[in-house]
Protein backbone atom coordinates (compact mmCIF):
# COMPACT_ATOMS: atom_id res chain seq x y z
CA MET A 1 6.49 -27.49 -21.22
CA GLU A 2 5.93 -31.14 -22.13
CA LYS A 3 3.61 -33.37 -20.10
CA ASN A 4 5.37 -35.03 -17.18
CA ASP A 5 8.29 -32.59 -17.47
CA PHE A 6 7.00 -30.50 -14.60
CA GLY A 7 8.40 -31.24 -11.18
CA ILE A 8 11.32 -30.52 -8.89
CA GLU A 9 13.79 -30.81 -11.78
CA TYR A 10 11.93 -28.11 -13.74
CA ILE A 11 11.77 -25.80 -10.69
CA ASN A 12 15.50 -26.33 -10.03
CA GLU A 13 16.30 -25.45 -13.65
CA VAL A 14 14.24 -22.27 -13.42
CA ALA A 15 15.90 -21.36 -10.10
CA LYS A 16 19.36 -21.92 -11.63
CA LYS A 17 18.47 -19.70 -14.59
CA ILE A 18 17.20 -16.96 -12.26
CA SER A 19 20.29 -17.24 -10.04
CA LYS A 20 22.56 -16.60 -13.04
CA ASN A 21 20.68 -13.36 -13.73
CA THR A 22 20.67 -12.03 -10.19
CA ILE A 23 22.02 -8.81 -8.83
CA VAL A 24 24.75 -6.91 -10.66
CA SER A 25 28.02 -6.89 -8.71
CA TYR A 26 28.98 -3.59 -7.11
CA GLU A 27 32.08 -3.41 -9.29
CA ASP A 28 29.89 -3.72 -12.41
CA LEU A 29 27.65 -0.80 -11.52
CA PRO A 30 28.47 2.23 -13.70
CA ARG A 31 31.57 4.03 -12.38
CA TYR A 32 30.65 7.45 -13.68
CA ASP A 33 27.95 9.69 -12.33
CA LEU A 34 24.73 9.60 -14.32
CA PHE A 35 21.87 11.84 -15.37
CA LEU A 36 18.46 10.84 -13.99
CA SER A 37 17.39 9.62 -17.44
CA GLN A 38 20.41 7.28 -17.54
CA VAL A 39 19.53 5.95 -14.08
CA ILE A 40 15.97 5.23 -15.28
CA ASP A 41 17.22 3.45 -18.41
CA TYR A 42 19.67 1.40 -16.34
CA LEU A 43 17.04 0.28 -13.80
CA ASN A 44 14.44 -0.54 -16.46
CA ASP A 45 17.03 -2.58 -18.32
CA LYS A 46 18.01 -4.56 -15.19
CA PHE A 47 14.50 -4.94 -13.71
CA LEU A 48 12.31 -5.93 -16.62
CA ASP A 49 9.22 -6.48 -14.46
CA GLU A 50 9.26 -2.94 -13.14
CA LYS A 51 8.92 0.39 -14.86
CA TYR A 52 10.85 3.20 -13.23
CA THR A 53 10.09 6.78 -14.21
CA ASN A 54 11.65 10.13 -13.30
CA ASN A 55 8.69 10.76 -10.98
CA ILE A 56 9.12 7.47 -9.10
CA VAL A 57 12.82 8.13 -8.40
CA GLN A 58 12.17 11.79 -7.53
CA ASN A 59 9.42 10.72 -5.10
CA TYR A 60 11.84 8.34 -3.39
CA ILE A 61 14.26 11.27 -3.01
CA LYS A 62 11.54 13.68 -1.83
CA ASN A 63 10.30 11.11 0.75
CA GLU A 64 13.92 10.52 1.86
CA VAL A 65 13.90 6.83 0.96
CA ILE A 66 17.08 7.33 -1.08
CA SER A 67 19.60 10.14 -0.88
CA LYS A 68 19.49 13.39 -2.86
CA PRO A 69 21.64 13.69 -5.97
CA GLU A 70 24.96 15.51 -5.69
CA ASP A 71 24.30 19.27 -5.43
CA GLY A 72 25.20 21.37 -8.42
CA LYS A 73 26.12 18.44 -10.66
CA LYS A 74 24.28 17.73 -13.88
CA ARG A 75 25.26 14.11 -13.46
CA GLY A 76 24.35 13.98 -9.80
CA TYR A 77 23.51 10.27 -9.50
CA THR A 78 26.42 8.22 -8.20
CA LYS A 79 27.17 4.56 -7.73
CA VAL A 80 25.68 4.89 -4.22
CA HIS A 81 22.37 6.02 -5.72
CA LEU A 82 22.35 3.01 -8.02
CA ALA A 83 23.12 0.72 -5.08
CA GLN A 84 20.24 2.29 -3.14
CA LEU A 85 17.84 1.91 -6.04
CA VAL A 86 18.85 -1.67 -6.83
CA LEU A 87 18.38 -2.71 -3.19
CA LEU A 88 15.08 -0.81 -3.15
CA SER A 89 14.00 -2.74 -6.26
CA TYR A 90 14.27 -6.00 -4.36
CA MET A 91 12.32 -4.55 -1.42
CA ARG A 92 9.51 -2.89 -3.39
CA PRO A 93 7.44 -6.05 -4.00
CA ILE A 94 7.51 -6.90 -0.29
CA LEU A 95 7.59 -3.67 1.70
CA THR A 96 5.81 -0.32 1.65
CA THR A 97 7.77 2.88 1.16
CA GLU A 98 7.67 3.57 4.91
CA GLU A 99 8.89 0.06 5.69
CA ILE A 100 11.77 0.44 3.21
CA LYS A 101 12.75 3.68 4.96
CA LYS A 102 12.78 1.85 8.29
CA VAL A 103 15.03 -0.89 6.91
CA PHE A 104 17.46 1.63 5.39
CA ARG A 105 17.51 3.59 8.69
CA LEU A 106 18.75 0.50 10.53
CA ALA A 107 22.08 0.70 8.66
CA PHE A 108 22.25 4.28 7.41
CA ASN A 109 20.35 6.45 9.92
CA GLU A 110 19.63 9.78 8.15
CA ILE A 111 19.56 8.95 4.43
CA ASN A 112 21.15 12.25 3.33
CA ASP A 113 24.00 12.16 5.86
CA ARG A 114 26.85 9.80 4.92
CA ASP A 115 28.67 10.56 8.18
CA ASP A 116 26.12 8.74 10.36
CA ASP A 117 26.05 5.53 8.32
CA ILE A 118 26.79 2.45 10.41
CA ILE A 119 28.08 0.61 7.35
CA SER A 120 28.82 1.81 3.84
CA TRP A 121 26.41 1.36 0.94
CA GLU A 122 29.14 -0.60 -0.82
CA LYS A 123 29.35 -3.07 2.08
CA ALA A 124 25.57 -3.35 2.30
CA TYR A 125 25.28 -3.97 -1.43
CA LYS A 126 28.12 -6.52 -1.59
CA ASN A 127 26.78 -8.44 1.41
CA PHE A 128 23.27 -8.42 -0.03
CA SER A 129 24.71 -9.83 -3.27
CA ASP A 130 26.38 -12.66 -1.36
CA ILE A 131 23.26 -13.38 0.66
CA GLN A 132 21.15 -13.43 -2.48
CA LYS A 133 23.52 -15.85 -4.21
CA ASP A 134 23.48 -18.13 -1.14
CA SER A 135 19.67 -17.93 -0.99
CA PHE A 136 19.33 -19.14 -4.56
CA GLU A 137 21.78 -21.98 -3.91
CA GLU A 138 19.82 -22.96 -0.81
CA PHE A 139 16.57 -22.73 -2.78
CA ILE A 140 17.96 -25.07 -5.41
CA ALA A 141 19.23 -27.52 -2.78
CA LYS A 142 15.97 -27.60 -0.80
CA GLN A 143 12.80 -29.34 -1.89
CA HIS A 144 10.07 -26.72 -1.54
CA PHE A 145 7.08 -28.94 -1.89
CA ASN A 146 6.27 -32.57 -1.32
CA GLU A 147 5.96 -33.83 -4.88
CA ASP A 148 4.66 -37.24 -3.77
CA LYS A 149 1.99 -35.65 -1.57
CA ILE A 150 0.80 -33.43 -4.41
CA GLN A 151 0.79 -36.37 -6.79
CA ASN A 152 -1.34 -38.38 -4.31
CA ILE A 153 -3.77 -35.46 -3.90
CA VAL A 154 -4.17 -35.21 -7.67
CA LYS A 155 -4.60 -38.98 -8.07
CA GLY A 156 -7.32 -38.97 -5.40
CA MET A 157 -9.39 -36.43 -7.33
CA ASN A 158 -10.39 -38.75 -10.18
CA LEU A 159 -9.44 -36.16 -12.79
CA LYS A 160 -9.08 -36.66 -16.51
CA ASN A 161 -5.48 -37.20 -17.64
CA GLU A 162 -5.29 -33.79 -19.29
CA GLU A 163 -6.50 -32.10 -16.10
CA GLN A 164 -4.04 -33.83 -13.75
CA GLU A 165 -1.01 -31.86 -14.89
CA ARG A 166 -2.85 -28.55 -14.58
CA ILE A 167 -4.03 -29.32 -11.04
CA LYS A 168 -0.53 -30.53 -10.07
CA VAL A 169 0.90 -27.21 -11.29
CA PHE A 170 -1.85 -25.37 -9.41
CA PHE A 171 -0.92 -27.03 -6.10
CA VAL A 172 2.83 -26.50 -6.64
CA VAL A 173 2.23 -22.80 -7.34
CA MET A 174 -0.07 -22.48 -4.32
CA THR A 175 2.54 -24.17 -2.10
CA LEU A 176 5.21 -21.71 -3.22
CA ILE A 177 2.77 -18.81 -2.76
CA CYS A 178 2.10 -19.98 0.82
CA GLN A 179 5.83 -20.01 1.52
CA ALA A 180 6.37 -16.59 -0.10
CA SER A 181 3.41 -15.15 1.81
CA ALA A 182 4.71 -16.48 5.11
CA ILE A 183 8.15 -14.97 4.46
CA LYS A 184 6.61 -11.64 3.41
CA LYS A 185 4.51 -11.50 6.61
CA LEU A 186 7.54 -12.36 8.72
CA VAL A 187 9.60 -9.59 7.07
CA GLN A 188 6.81 -7.04 7.53
CA ASP A 189 6.33 -8.03 11.18
CA ILE A 190 10.05 -7.65 11.93
CA VAL A 191 10.22 -4.25 10.18
CA ASP A 192 7.03 -2.97 11.77
CA ASN A 193 7.83 -4.11 15.30
CA TYR A 194 11.58 -3.66 15.62
CA ASP A 195 12.31 -0.73 17.92
CA ASN A 196 15.61 0.84 17.01
CA GLY A 197 15.32 3.51 19.65
CA GLU A 198 13.79 6.19 17.44
CA GLY A 199 10.75 6.35 19.75
């Protein structure tokens, strides 16, 4: 990045690029049932920052975070499993396994019983996709840090010219981290303290 190119315009460009590579639409998830190895390959292709393994997915099944594969089928992983795992991928950086289970229980009750679901996985996935798209658009539209304030802080530090840009980037990153941390804490508090009558 060139000197003086960093700022709200740069962040908006990055946000736009990220928003174009967001969640895969439900219709574009594979239509045919998959082997576990195909599920792993699919997830690792879509979520480059994460490394799924057979053990990770099997542990999510064993701990009833996601539903069991279809009994007796070699290709027992359906579109619903992919939807569960994609949603879980967005939750993993923010919530613990137990917290993810609590969130899924809000809409789906017993994970291995489709009959007690309040809404379908398809509806949940499609609505999450829409919310995510809207969130990125709102992120792009909103100014997330006071560029003038940061610039004034940096100017008041009597730094060398080559150090000013680095310190400006530092404060922008720290501002965004503060916002992300506050949102993460809010999410965790809601999940930990919401009583859905399970007692």
